[in-house]
Amino acid sequence: MTTEIAAGKKKKEKMFISVLPGEQVEVALTQEGQVIEYYVEMLHQAKTKGNIYKGYIHNIDAALQAAFINYGAERNGFLQVDEVHPEYYQGTYTLKKGHRFPLLQKVLKPGQEIFVQVVKEPTGKKGAFLSSYLSLPGRYFVLTPGREQIGISRKIEDEKERQRLKEVIDEVSPGPGVGVIVRTASKGQSKSALRRDFKFLTRLWNDIREKGQDIKPPSPVYEEMSLAARSVRDYLSSDVTEIWVDDKETAEQVKKLAALSFPRRNNLVKLHSDTDKSLWERFNLVKQIEQIYGREVNLPSGGRLVFDQTEALTAIDINSGKIGGERNFKEMALKTNKESAEMIARQLKLRDLGGQVVIDFIEMKDPKHCREVEKTMRAALKGDRARTDVGRISRFGLMELVRQRLGSSAIAVSSEACPCCEGTGIRRNMEWQAMQALKDIYRMLRRPGCASPLIYEAEEELALYLLNHKRDAIISYEKMFDTKINIEIQWAV
């Protein structure tokens, strides 16, 4: 997202939905042909974020002040103390001085039934992060059962519009024990459209409550919409001029959902039926989408960004490359760093990188230049749906920022650790591997009663390297031990 957009000069957007029926859905959002958001969902890796389950407390960890919930997944979910709704507290309790919450082991017990919603998907060996504070998102509202809060999106800045929306909420009257958050998409919508969305959410909540009373835990109670439907609900705005879909059935579903928000825009949804070109090829999006998965990202001026992910954080290095026509190093550093800040903000969204991010900018001596780059970064992140907290550039040229992860990223969904390097990005070279193979062969030859011929199996690349580069050593071992040595390729099963 460029600073120009952040400053209020909105550019026209397009939405693209590519579907492989029964297998995969991809969604890309573009501004002037530039991909600004990208999501992918493989149906065999069905996402659970937003789903509501009836589970039970498996155990309580007093040290962590958290409960582990069996809600039907492979691993128990994690429910920390501040995500436990007071309605689940049992018995009487007194808060200790300076404490906001009671001790969980005093107010909850193993086996107790509880409604939970997935806030963060399970990752690696970690279970899902859960909350017993439920929320049901609609097109214009988010219903929050159990919390009587009334909130309006901060992105709606016009005071008259905020007042109008407050009046609409008062009219629909959420009732006791139910709260409402007004979404940005509600801006300018008619009262009838807003009431319709609210009634849908209240009916949905009543259905969930009824279903939850009859089923035994652990069981699912509510499942979120598919990615295609969620995209229309959450990302479709008046700035989107076209929605392109390459599957006829999905296009009809999207058309119905879009008509609820924009009934007069009959030609909003378009079907891509060209069998010679994919949807991404037709609109020149292939390279941009492929770049999301790469370690390096090229900058327009010739520099490049290098992304390295670790267990704890993401490190981003900025290389200036060969930038012609820049005699003044200070100006070149400022220009490249500002360009990098905008690109990094965009890539953080596209890759859905969460947690701590450390950026190594090109060194700038002038404090004014540092403040300018910081300002550029904050402006570029304004359009990000995730919460971000940006620090200042240190005297070493490092900037720290923290970003909320919204869901499983396209990279996490579609990639796995390399079996050769096991995710390190490097591996032992062939000469070193050949030395270890020769060690094994030498050790086996020295064993009493060694078979002749001695058969040594190795992966194809190593086997060919031994035969081509270590033949003299193998022949010398054959003579030394008077044993034939056969190097064979170990084919993968």
Protein backbone atom coordinates (compact mmCIF):
# COMPACT_ATOMS: atom_id res chain seq x y z
CA MET A 1 0.00 0.00 0.00
CA THR A 2 1.65 3.22 -1.08
CA THR A 3 1.71 6.43 0.91
CA GLU A 4 -0.34 8.06 -1.82
CA ILE A 5 -3.21 5.65 -1.11
CA ALA A 6 -2.80 6.00 2.63
CA ALA A 7 -3.06 9.78 2.24
CA GLY A 8 -6.60 9.34 0.96
CA LYS A 9 -6.24 9.08 -2.84
CA LYS A 10 -8.16 5.85 -3.32
CA LYS A 11 -7.37 3.74 -6.36
CA LYS A 12 -9.83 1.45 -8.07
CA GLU A 13 -9.60 -2.16 -6.98
CA LYS A 14 -10.41 -5.53 -8.56
CA MET A 15 -11.04 -8.88 -6.90
CA PHE A 16 -10.06 -12.19 -8.48
CA ILE A 17 -11.30 -15.60 -7.29
CA SER A 18 -9.71 -18.71 -8.81
CA VAL A 19 -11.31 -22.06 -7.97
CA LEU A 20 -10.22 -25.66 -8.47
CA PRO A 21 -13.55 -27.38 -7.62
CA GLY A 22 -13.37 -29.53 -4.51
CA GLU A 23 -9.67 -28.78 -3.95
CA GLN A 24 -8.55 -25.15 -3.72
CA VAL A 25 -9.68 -21.51 -3.67
CA GLU A 26 -7.38 -18.51 -4.29
CA VAL A 27 -8.35 -14.86 -3.84
CA ALA A 28 -6.32 -11.84 -4.98
CA LEU A 29 -7.17 -8.18 -4.45
CA THR A 30 -5.43 -5.68 -6.74
CA GLN A 31 -5.03 -1.91 -6.96
CA GLU A 32 -4.17 -0.58 -10.42
CA GLY A 33 -2.96 -4.07 -11.39
CA GLN A 34 -0.77 -4.49 -8.29
CA VAL A 35 -1.60 -7.38 -5.92
CA ILE A 36 -2.17 -5.96 -2.43
CA GLU A 37 -3.79 -8.99 -0.75
CA TYR A 38 -3.63 -12.70 -1.52
CA TYR A 39 -5.33 -15.63 0.22
CA VAL A 40 -5.39 -19.35 -0.49
CA GLU A 41 -7.38 -22.18 1.05
CA MET A 42 -6.82 -25.86 0.29
CA LEU A 43 -9.96 -27.75 1.13
CA HIS A 44 -8.07 -30.75 2.58
CA GLN A 45 -6.53 -28.27 5.06
CA ALA A 46 -9.85 -26.75 6.04
CA LYS A 47 -9.39 -23.67 8.18
CA THR A 48 -10.95 -23.61 11.61
CA LYS A 49 -10.44 -19.94 12.52
CA GLY A 50 -13.83 -18.45 13.40
CA ASN A 51 -15.44 -21.86 13.95
CA ILE A 52 -17.38 -22.39 17.19
CA TYR A 53 -17.23 -25.69 19.10
CA LYS A 54 -18.78 -27.21 22.17
CA GLY A 55 -15.84 -28.67 24.06
CA TYR A 56 -14.84 -29.62 27.56
CA ILE A 57 -11.94 -28.73 29.83
CA HIS A 58 -9.30 -31.45 29.58
CA ASN A 59 -6.96 -30.00 32.20
CA ILE A 60 -5.99 -26.71 33.85
CA ASP A 61 -2.39 -25.49 34.07
CA ALA A 62 -2.08 -23.45 37.25
CA ALA A 63 1.38 -22.12 36.33
CA LEU A 64 0.22 -20.79 32.93
CA GLN A 65 -3.22 -19.84 34.22
CA ALA A 66 -4.74 -21.48 31.17
CA ALA A 67 -7.11 -24.32 30.37
CA PHE A 68 -6.59 -26.91 27.66
CA ILE A 69 -9.83 -27.63 25.82
CA ASN A 70 -10.76 -30.80 23.96
CA TYR A 71 -12.91 -29.47 21.12
CA GLY A 72 -12.46 -32.38 18.71
CA ALA A 73 -9.16 -31.42 17.04
CA GLU A 74 -5.97 -33.49 16.99
CA ARG A 75 -4.47 -31.28 19.72
CA ASN A 76 -6.25 -29.62 22.60
CA GLY A 77 -6.84 -25.89 22.25
CA PHE A 78 -5.30 -23.26 24.52
CA LEU A 79 -7.65 -21.01 26.51
CA GLN A 80 -5.88 -18.43 28.64
CA VAL A 81 -7.39 -16.78 31.68
CA ASP A 82 -8.39 -13.48 30.02
CA GLU A 83 -10.35 -15.37 27.33
CA VAL A 84 -12.58 -17.19 29.85
CA HIS A 85 -16.04 -15.63 30.11
CA PRO A 86 -17.14 -15.13 33.75
CA GLU A 87 -20.35 -17.09 33.05
CA TYR A 88 -18.23 -20.28 33.18
CA TYR A 89 -16.88 -19.54 36.68
CA GLN A 90 -18.18 -22.02 39.25
CA GLY A 91 -18.74 -21.32 42.94
CA THR A 92 -17.80 -18.15 44.78
CA TYR A 93 -14.42 -16.48 44.48
CA THR A 94 -12.62 -13.40 45.74
CA LEU A 95 -10.12 -11.46 43.67
CA LYS A 96 -6.70 -10.97 45.21
CA LYS A 97 -5.47 -7.41 45.45
CA GLY A 98 -3.91 -6.29 42.19
CA HIS A 99 -5.41 -9.24 40.23
CA ARG A 100 -7.90 -8.81 37.37
CA PHE A 101 -8.94 -12.47 37.20
CA PRO A 102 -9.50 -15.26 39.74
CA LEU A 103 -7.21 -18.32 39.80
CA LEU A 104 -8.52 -20.64 37.08
CA GLN A 105 -8.04 -23.79 39.16
CA LYS A 106 -10.44 -22.29 41.72
CA VAL A 107 -13.28 -21.44 39.32
CA LEU A 108 -13.05 -24.07 36.55
CA LYS A 109 -12.84 -27.84 36.74
CA PRO A 110 -11.78 -30.62 34.34
CA GLY A 111 -14.69 -32.10 32.39
CA GLN A 112 -16.66 -28.84 32.46
CA GLU A 113 -18.44 -28.09 29.16
CA ILE A 114 -17.63 -24.83 27.41
CA PHE A 115 -18.34 -23.04 24.10
CA VAL A 116 -15.14 -21.88 22.40
CA GLN A 117 -14.20 -20.13 19.16
CA VAL A 118 -10.92 -20.58 17.29
CA VAL A 119 -9.01 -17.29 17.30
CA LYS A 120 -5.71 -18.59 15.86
CA GLU A 121 -5.17 -21.73 13.81
CA PRO A 122 -3.01 -24.50 15.28
CA THR A 123 0.61 -24.17 14.08
CA GLY A 124 3.28 -26.86 14.19
CA LYS A 125 3.08 -28.62 17.54
CA LYS A 126 0.96 -25.86 19.09
CA GLY A 127 -2.78 -26.26 19.43
CA ALA A 128 -5.29 -23.60 18.42
CA PHE A 129 -5.69 -20.42 20.47
CA LEU A 130 -9.27 -20.30 21.72
CA SER A 131 -11.68 -17.80 23.26
CA SER A 132 -14.99 -18.27 25.05
CA TYR A 133 -15.93 -14.70 24.03
CA LEU A 134 -17.79 -15.51 20.81
CA SER A 135 -18.26 -13.24 17.78
CA LEU A 136 -20.33 -13.70 14.63
CA PRO A 137 -19.30 -11.52 11.67
CA GLY A 138 -21.83 -10.35 9.13
CA ARG A 139 -21.52 -7.95 6.22
CA TYR A 140 -22.15 -4.79 8.26
CA PHE A 141 -22.09 -5.92 11.90
CA VAL A 142 -20.25 -8.29 14.21
CA LEU A 143 -22.49 -9.78 16.88
CA THR A 144 -20.75 -10.37 20.24
CA PRO A 145 -22.88 -12.59 22.51
CA GLY A 146 -21.88 -12.32 26.15
CA ARG A 147 -20.56 -8.77 25.82
CA GLU A 148 -22.90 -5.82 25.87
CA GLN A 149 -20.43 -3.55 24.09
CA ILE A 150 -21.47 -1.23 21.28
CA GLY A 151 -18.62 -0.19 19.00
CA ILE A 152 -18.21 1.55 15.65
CA SER A 153 -15.22 1.06 13.35
CA ARG A 154 -12.58 3.76 13.83
CA LYS A 155 -12.25 3.94 10.04
CA ILE A 156 -15.67 5.63 9.95
CA GLU A 157 -14.51 9.14 10.87
CA ASP A 158 -17.53 11.24 9.87
CA GLU A 159 -19.36 12.19 13.07
CA LYS A 160 -22.79 12.49 11.39
CA GLU A 161 -22.44 8.98 9.94
CA ARG A 162 -21.32 7.59 13.31
CA GLN A 163 -24.35 9.17 14.98
CA ARG A 164 -26.68 7.74 12.29
CA LEU A 165 -25.25 4.25 12.84
CA LYS A 166 -25.66 4.58 16.61
CA GLU A 167 -29.33 5.40 16.06
CA VAL A 168 -29.75 2.31 13.86
CA ILE A 169 -28.26 0.13 16.63
CA ASP A 170 -30.62 1.66 19.18
CA GLU A 171 -33.55 0.86 16.88
CA VAL A 172 -32.64 -2.79 16.30
CA SER A 173 -31.97 -3.20 20.06
CA PRO A 174 -29.48 -6.06 20.47
CA GLY A 175 -31.01 -6.99 23.83
CA PRO A 176 -29.41 -7.97 27.14
CA GLY A 177 -26.15 -9.90 27.05
CA VAL A 178 -25.47 -9.20 23.34
CA GLY A 179 -23.13 -6.58 21.87
CA VAL A 180 -22.62 -5.20 18.37
CA ILE A 181 -19.59 -3.89 16.49
CA VAL A 182 -20.37 -1.81 13.41
CA ARG A 183 -18.04 -2.66 10.51
CA THR A 184 -16.53 -0.18 8.05
CA ALA A 185 -18.69 -1.61 5.21
CA SER A 186 -21.82 -0.24 6.93
CA LYS A 187 -20.85 3.33 6.01
CA GLY A 188 -23.54 4.86 3.81
CA GLN A 189 -25.77 1.75 3.79
CA SER A 190 -29.53 2.07 4.06
CA LYS A 191 -31.37 1.27 7.29
CA SER A 192 -33.18 -1.65 5.66
CA ALA A 193 -29.88 -3.25 4.55
CA LEU A 194 -28.42 -2.79 8.03
CA ARG A 195 -31.53 -4.22 9.73
CA ARG A 196 -31.49 -7.21 7.36
CA ASP A 197 -27.88 -8.02 8.27
CA PHE A 198 -28.60 -7.67 11.99
CA LYS A 199 -31.65 -9.97 11.80
CA PHE A 200 -29.58 -12.59 9.97
CA LEU A 201 -26.94 -12.54 12.73
CA THR A 202 -29.49 -12.77 15.56
CA ARG A 203 -31.19 -15.75 13.84
CA LEU A 204 -27.77 -17.37 13.39
CA TRP A 205 -26.94 -16.91 17.09
CA ASN A 206 -30.30 -18.40 18.16
CA ASP A 207 -29.66 -21.44 15.91
CA ILE A 208 -26.17 -21.90 17.42
CA ARG A 209 -27.56 -21.78 20.97
CA GLU A 210 -30.27 -24.32 20.18
CA LYS A 211 -27.83 -26.66 18.43
CA GLY A 212 -25.33 -26.33 21.28
CA GLN A 213 -27.85 -27.45 23.89
CA ASP A 214 -28.61 -30.73 22.12
CA ILE A 215 -25.13 -32.00 21.16
CA LYS A 216 -22.46 -33.63 23.28
CA PRO A 217 -18.90 -32.29 23.41
CA PRO A 218 -16.57 -32.27 21.61
CA SER A 219 -18.60 -31.18 18.56
CA PRO A 220 -18.65 -28.35 16.01
CA VAL A 221 -21.52 -25.90 16.43
CA TYR A 222 -20.80 -23.31 13.72
CA GLU A 223 -18.45 -23.28 10.73
CA GLU A 224 -17.22 -20.17 8.96
CA MET A 225 -18.04 -19.50 5.30
CA SER A 226 -15.79 -20.66 2.46
CA LEU A 227 -12.93 -18.38 1.41
CA ALA A 228 -14.82 -17.14 -1.68
CA ALA A 229 -17.87 -16.16 0.41
CA ARG A 230 -15.74 -14.64 3.21
CA SER A 231 -13.85 -12.53 0.67
CA VAL A 232 -17.06 -10.96 -0.61
CA ARG A 233 -18.32 -10.41 2.94
CA ASP A 234 -15.08 -8.96 4.32
CA TYR A 235 -13.22 -7.34 1.41
CA LEU A 236 -15.86 -6.17 -1.06
CA SER A 237 -16.18 -2.38 -0.91
CA SER A 238 -17.33 0.43 -3.18
CA ASP A 239 -13.73 0.74 -4.42
CA VAL A 240 -13.93 -2.72 -6.05
CA THR A 241 -14.98 -2.17 -9.65
CA GLU A 242 -14.93 -5.80 -10.85
CA ILE A 243 -14.96 -9.32 -9.41
CA TRP A 244 -13.54 -11.97 -11.75
CA VAL A 245 -14.30 -15.64 -11.03
CA ASP A 246 -13.11 -18.62 -13.09
CA ASP A 247 -15.73 -21.13 -11.85
CA LYS A 248 -19.37 -20.85 -12.94
CA GLU A 249 -20.94 -22.25 -9.74
CA THR A 250 -18.78 -20.03 -7.49
CA ALA A 251 -19.53 -17.02 -9.71
CA GLU A 252 -23.28 -17.50 -9.12
CA GLN A 253 -22.73 -17.73 -5.35
CA VAL A 254 -20.54 -14.61 -5.38
CA LYS A 255 -23.10 -12.75 -7.50
CA LYS A 256 -25.86 -13.41 -4.93
CA LEU A 257 -23.68 -12.30 -2.02
CA ALA A 258 -22.49 -9.17 -3.86
CA ALA A 259 -26.09 -8.25 -4.74
CA LEU A 260 -26.94 -8.00 -1.02
CA SER A 261 -24.45 -5.13 -0.67
CA PHE A 262 -24.64 -3.55 -4.13
CA PRO A 263 -28.03 -4.47 -5.67
CA ARG A 264 -27.72 -1.90 -8.48
CA ARG A 265 -24.33 -3.07 -9.78
CA ASN A 266 -25.51 -5.88 -12.04
CA ASN A 267 -22.23 -6.28 -13.94
CA LEU A 268 -19.95 -6.38 -10.89
CA VAL A 269 -19.25 -10.15 -11.10
CA LYS A 270 -17.69 -11.43 -14.32
CA LEU A 271 -16.96 -15.02 -15.37
CA HIS A 272 -13.53 -15.92 -16.80
CA SER A 273 -14.20 -18.81 -19.19
CA ASP A 274 -11.06 -18.68 -21.37
CA THR A 275 -9.49 -22.16 -21.42
CA ASP A 276 -6.29 -21.00 -23.15
CA LYS A 277 -5.21 -18.68 -20.33
CA SER A 278 -5.62 -18.95 -16.58
CA LEU A 279 -7.20 -16.08 -14.65
CA TRP A 280 -3.77 -15.05 -13.32
CA GLU A 281 -2.22 -15.14 -16.81
CA ARG A 282 -5.00 -13.07 -18.33
CA PHE A 283 -4.44 -10.21 -15.87
CA ASN A 284 -0.62 -10.55 -15.61
CA LEU A 285 -0.64 -11.58 -11.95
CA VAL A 286 1.50 -14.76 -12.19
CA LYS A 287 4.87 -13.14 -11.39
CA GLN A 288 3.45 -11.08 -8.53
CA ILE A 289 1.90 -14.16 -6.89
CA GLU A 290 5.06 -16.23 -7.40
CA GLN A 291 7.08 -13.47 -5.73
CA ILE A 292 5.13 -14.00 -2.49
CA TYR A 293 6.82 -17.39 -2.09
CA GLY A 294 10.33 -16.17 -2.88
CA ARG A 295 13.05 -15.29 -0.38
CA GLU A 296 13.97 -12.19 -2.38
CA VAL A 297 11.80 -9.34 -3.68
CA ASN A 298 13.09 -6.89 -6.28
CA LEU A 299 12.52 -3.17 -5.83
CA PRO A 300 11.62 -0.88 -8.78
CA SER A 301 14.84 1.13 -8.40
CA GLY A 302 17.08 -1.96 -8.62
CA GLY A 303 17.51 -2.83 -4.96
CA ARG A 304 16.12 -5.96 -3.33
CA LEU A 305 14.66 -7.22 -0.08
CA VAL A 306 15.72 -10.51 1.51
CA PHE A 307 13.25 -12.23 3.87
CA ASP A 308 14.49 -14.79 6.43
CA GLN A 309 12.06 -16.40 8.87
CA THR A 310 13.17 -17.93 12.16
CA GLU A 311 11.26 -19.54 15.01
CA ALA A 312 11.03 -16.25 16.92
CA LEU A 313 11.04 -13.48 14.29
CA THR A 314 11.31 -12.43 10.66
CA ALA A 315 14.47 -10.62 9.56
CA ILE A 316 14.35 -8.39 6.45
CA ASP A 317 17.57 -7.15 4.87
CA ILE A 318 17.67 -4.30 2.34
CA ASN A 319 20.29 -4.43 -0.40
CA SER A 320 20.71 -1.29 -2.49
CA GLY A 321 21.96 -3.12 -5.60
CA LYS A 322 23.20 -1.04 -8.52
CA ILE A 323 21.18 2.15 -8.54
CA GLY A 324 22.32 4.34 -11.39
CA GLY A 325 22.19 8.13 -11.49
CA GLU A 326 22.49 8.60 -7.73
CA ARG A 327 25.65 10.52 -6.90
CA ASN A 328 24.68 11.41 -3.39
CA PHE A 329 24.78 8.31 -1.15
CA LYS A 330 22.55 9.95 1.49
CA GLU A 331 19.80 10.63 -1.04
CA MET A 332 20.19 7.14 -2.52
CA ALA A 333 19.87 5.55 0.95
CA LEU A 334 16.78 7.63 1.75
CA LYS A 335 15.12 6.84 -1.58
CA THR A 336 15.82 3.09 -1.33
CA ASN A 337 14.72 2.90 2.32
CA LYS A 338 11.42 4.70 1.62
CA GLU A 339 10.79 2.46 -1.37
CA SER A 340 11.64 -0.55 0.81
CA ALA A 341 9.28 0.57 3.60
CA GLU A 342 6.35 0.65 1.17
CA MET A 343 7.25 -2.74 -0.34
CA ILE A 344 7.78 -4.33 3.10
CA ALA A 345 4.34 -3.14 4.28
CA ARG A 346 2.83 -4.72 1.18
CA GLN A 347 4.76 -7.99 1.57
CA LEU A 348 3.83 -8.31 5.25
CA LYS A 349 0.17 -8.31 4.19
CA LEU A 350 0.67 -10.65 1.23
CA ARG A 351 2.69 -13.17 3.25
CA ASP A 352 0.63 -12.61 6.43
CA LEU A 353 3.82 -12.40 8.46
CA GLY A 354 3.05 -12.07 12.15
CA GLY A 355 4.97 -11.62 15.38
CA GLN A 356 8.19 -9.67 15.62
CA VAL A 357 9.80 -8.29 12.46
CA VAL A 358 13.30 -6.76 12.37
CA ILE A 359 14.25 -4.63 9.34
CA ASP A 360 17.88 -3.77 8.53
CA PHE A 361 17.66 -0.48 6.61
CA ILE A 362 20.58 1.05 4.71
CA GLU A 363 22.45 3.21 7.20
CA MET A 364 21.29 6.83 7.38
CA LYS A 365 23.30 9.42 9.34
CA ASP A 366 20.68 12.17 9.17
CA PRO A 367 18.01 11.75 11.94
CA LYS A 368 15.50 13.60 9.71
CA HIS A 369 15.88 10.89 7.07
CA CYS A 370 15.25 8.21 9.72
CA ARG A 371 12.05 9.95 10.85
CA GLU A 372 10.95 10.24 7.19
CA VAL A 373 11.37 6.48 6.64
CA GLU A 374 9.49 5.73 9.87
CA LYS A 375 6.66 8.00 8.72
CA THR A 376 6.56 6.22 5.35
CA MET A 377 6.34 2.82 7.06
CA ARG A 378 3.49 3.89 9.36
CA ALA A 379 1.57 5.43 6.46
CA ALA A 380 2.07 2.30 4.33
CA LEU A 381 0.76 0.07 7.16
CA LYS A 382 -2.40 2.15 7.65
CA GLY A 383 -4.30 0.06 5.12
CA ASP A 384 -3.35 -3.21 6.84
CA ARG A 385 -6.28 -5.02 8.45
CA ALA A 386 -3.93 -6.49 11.05
CA ARG A 387 -2.86 -4.51 14.11
CA THR A 388 0.72 -3.26 13.91
CA ASP A 389 3.08 -1.48 16.28
CA VAL A 390 6.07 0.23 14.65
CA GLY A 391 9.22 1.17 16.58
CA ARG A 392 11.86 3.75 15.70
CA ILE A 393 15.03 3.13 13.70
CA SER A 394 17.93 2.48 16.08
CA ARG A 395 21.44 3.89 15.74
CA PHE A 396 22.37 0.57 14.11
CA GLY A 397 19.81 1.10 11.31
CA LEU A 398 17.37 -1.50 12.68
CA MET A 399 13.62 -1.06 12.93
CA GLU A 400 11.44 -3.36 15.02
CA LEU A 401 7.74 -3.81 14.42
CA VAL A 402 5.11 -6.22 15.65
CA ARG A 403 2.24 -7.41 13.47
CA GLN A 404 -0.86 -9.42 14.28
CA ARG A 405 -1.13 -12.63 12.24
CA LEU A 406 -4.63 -12.85 10.73
CA GLY A 407 -4.58 -16.50 9.66
CA SER A 408 -2.56 -19.22 8.02
CA SER A 409 -0.46 -17.56 5.32
CA ALA A 410 -0.30 -18.77 1.72
CA ILE A 411 3.31 -19.81 2.38
CA ALA A 412 2.40 -21.88 5.46
CA VAL A 413 -0.50 -23.57 3.66
CA SER A 414 1.43 -24.49 0.50
CA SER A 415 5.01 -25.20 1.61
CA GLU A 416 6.96 -27.62 3.78
CA ALA A 417 10.53 -27.95 5.02
CA CYS A 418 12.99 -29.25 2.40
CA PRO A 419 13.80 -32.93 3.12
CA CYS A 420 17.45 -32.35 2.15
CA CYS A 421 18.24 -29.33 4.36
CA GLU A 422 15.33 -29.85 6.82
CA GLY A 423 14.37 -26.21 6.60
CA THR A 424 17.80 -24.67 7.27
CA GLY A 425 18.26 -23.48 3.67
CA ILE A 426 21.71 -25.11 3.44
CA ARG A 427 22.99 -28.68 3.24
CA ARG A 428 26.32 -30.50 3.40
CA ASN A 429 28.12 -30.35 0.05
CA MET A 430 28.69 -33.48 -2.06
CA GLU A 431 32.40 -33.73 -1.16
CA TRP A 432 31.55 -33.89 2.56
CA GLN A 433 28.74 -36.42 1.91
CA ALA A 434 31.16 -38.53 -0.18
CA MET A 435 33.67 -38.55 2.70
CA GLN A 436 31.00 -39.88 5.08
CA ALA A 437 30.00 -42.54 2.51
CA LEU A 438 33.63 -43.67 2.15
CA LYS A 439 33.91 -43.83 5.97
CA ASP A 440 30.86 -46.13 6.04
CA ILE A 441 32.28 -48.32 3.26
CA TYR A 442 35.68 -48.55 5.00
CA ARG A 443 34.05 -49.48 8.32
CA MET A 444 31.91 -52.21 6.68
CA LEU A 445 34.93 -53.66 4.85
CA ARG A 446 36.79 -54.04 8.16
CA ARG A 447 34.01 -56.14 9.69
CA PRO A 448 34.72 -59.89 9.95
CA GLY A 449 32.88 -61.86 7.29
CA CYS A 450 32.18 -58.82 5.09
CA ALA A 451 30.03 -59.77 2.10
CA SER A 452 31.58 -59.81 -1.35
CA PRO A 453 30.56 -57.97 -3.35
CA LEU A 454 29.81 -55.24 -0.78
CA ILE A 455 26.68 -53.38 -1.89
CA TYR A 456 26.48 -49.73 -0.79
CA GLU A 457 23.21 -47.88 -1.50
CA ALA A 458 23.11 -44.09 -1.81
CA GLU A 459 20.78 -41.45 -3.21
CA GLU A 460 21.20 -40.88 -6.95
CA GLU A 461 23.22 -37.64 -6.69
CA LEU A 462 25.64 -39.07 -4.11
CA ALA A 463 25.96 -42.43 -5.91
CA LEU A 464 26.94 -40.71 -9.19
CA TYR A 465 29.39 -38.44 -7.34
CA LEU A 466 31.10 -41.47 -5.74
CA LEU A 467 31.39 -43.27 -9.10
CA ASN A 468 32.65 -40.19 -10.96
CA HIS A 469 34.87 -38.51 -8.37
CA LYS A 470 35.84 -41.19 -5.84
CA ARG A 471 36.43 -44.17 -8.15
CA ASP A 472 40.18 -44.27 -7.34
CA ALA A 473 39.47 -44.49 -3.60
CA ILE A 474 36.90 -47.26 -4.16
CA ILE A 475 39.36 -49.25 -6.34
CA SER A 476 42.08 -48.90 -3.70
CA TYR A 477 39.68 -50.27 -1.02
CA GLU A 478 38.81 -53.20 -3.31
CA LYS A 479 42.52 -54.08 -3.63
CA MET A 480 43.21 -53.53 0.09
CA PHE A 481 40.41 -55.87 1.25
CA ASP A 482 40.20 -58.09 -1.87
CA THR A 483 36.48 -57.37 -2.06
CA LYS A 484 34.31 -56.07 -4.90
CA ILE A 485 32.37 -52.84 -4.05
CA ASN A 486 29.12 -52.07 -5.88
CA ILE A 487 27.61 -48.56 -5.56
CA GLU A 488 23.88 -48.73 -6.20
CA ILE A 489 21.22 -46.03 -6.43
CA GLN A 490 18.74 -46.04 -3.57
CA TRP A 491 15.40 -45.35 -5.21
CA ALA A 492 12.72 -43.62 -3.19
CA VAL A 493 9.80 -45.88 -2.30
